[in-house]
């Protein structure tokens, strides 16, 4: 299975944030606690940077591994 970075990012976002988009998740956290909201924003920023700098093959392996884990749970 060959995935583009965009497809891999979307799949990983669904695994991590369920149905929310990352920025909606940040807003939800921010409404509970501004301090935690700042941390959530940093986490999403790092997540997006890692997706951009990670080689496509490694992203595919990561997605396949975690999809298998979810399906086996």
Protein backbone atom coordinates (compact mmCIF):
# COMPACT_ATOMS: atom_id res chain seq x y z
CA UNK A 1 0.00 0.00 0.00
CA UNK A 2 1.50 3.30 -1.08
CA UNK A 3 0.37 6.43 0.76
CA UNK A 4 1.11 10.06 0.12
CA UNK A 5 2.23 12.20 3.06
CA UNK A 6 -1.20 13.84 3.04
CA UNK A 7 -2.98 10.49 3.27
CA UNK A 8 -0.63 9.27 6.00
CA UNK A 9 -1.14 12.50 7.95
CA UNK A 10 -4.94 12.18 7.73
CA UNK A 11 -4.85 8.57 8.91
CA UNK A 12 -2.54 9.39 11.81
CA UNK A 13 -4.72 12.36 12.76
CA UNK A 14 -7.77 10.07 12.89
CA UNK A 15 -5.88 7.60 15.06
CA UNK A 16 -4.67 10.28 17.47
CA UNK A 17 -7.53 12.79 17.56
CA UNK A 18 -10.47 10.46 16.78
CA UNK A 19 -12.99 12.43 14.74
CA UNK A 20 -11.76 15.91 15.72
CA UNK A 21 -9.38 17.85 13.59
CA UNK A 22 -6.20 18.73 15.48
CA UNK A 23 -7.04 22.42 15.63
CA UNK A 24 -10.53 21.70 16.97
CA UNK A 25 -8.89 19.47 19.59
CA UNK A 26 -6.59 22.36 20.57
CA UNK A 27 -9.61 24.66 20.96
CA UNK A 28 -11.38 22.09 23.14
CA UNK A 29 -8.32 21.72 25.37
CA UNK A 30 -7.80 25.49 25.44
CA UNK A 31 -11.37 26.02 26.67
CA UNK A 32 -10.64 23.69 29.60
CA UNK A 33 -7.26 25.17 30.45
CA UNK A 34 -5.27 27.83 28.58
CA UNK A 35 -2.00 26.34 29.88
CA UNK A 36 -2.87 22.89 28.59
CA UNK A 37 -4.14 24.48 25.38
CA UNK A 38 -0.70 25.97 24.76
CA UNK A 39 0.84 22.54 25.31
CA UNK A 40 -1.70 20.97 22.94
CA UNK A 41 -0.86 23.56 20.28
CA UNK A 42 2.86 22.80 20.63
CA UNK A 43 2.14 19.08 20.37
CA UNK A 44 0.20 19.51 17.12
CA UNK A 45 2.91 21.80 15.75
CA UNK A 46 5.57 19.15 16.43
CA UNK A 47 3.31 16.42 15.00
CA UNK A 48 2.93 18.38 11.75
CA UNK A 49 6.69 19.06 11.57
CA UNK A 50 7.47 15.38 12.07
CA UNK A 51 5.09 14.42 9.28
CA UNK A 52 6.82 16.89 6.95
CA UNK A 53 10.37 15.76 7.70
CA UNK A 54 9.70 12.02 7.95
CA UNK A 55 10.48 9.99 4.80
CA UNK A 56 7.37 8.67 3.05
CA UNK A 57 8.40 5.03 3.48
CA UNK A 58 8.70 5.44 7.25
CA UNK A 59 5.32 7.16 7.40
CA UNK A 60 3.76 4.25 5.52
CA UNK A 61 5.33 1.77 7.93
CA UNK A 62 4.10 3.78 10.91
CA UNK A 63 0.55 3.97 9.58
CA UNK A 64 0.51 0.26 8.75
CA UNK A 65 1.82 -0.64 12.21
CA UNK A 66 -0.73 1.47 14.07
CA UNK A 67 -3.62 0.47 11.83
CA UNK A 68 -2.78 -3.16 12.54
CA UNK A 69 -2.64 -2.40 16.29
CA UNK A 70 -6.06 -0.72 16.18
CA UNK A 71 -7.62 -3.55 14.19
CA UNK A 72 -6.21 -6.19 16.55
CA UNK A 73 -7.50 -4.39 19.68
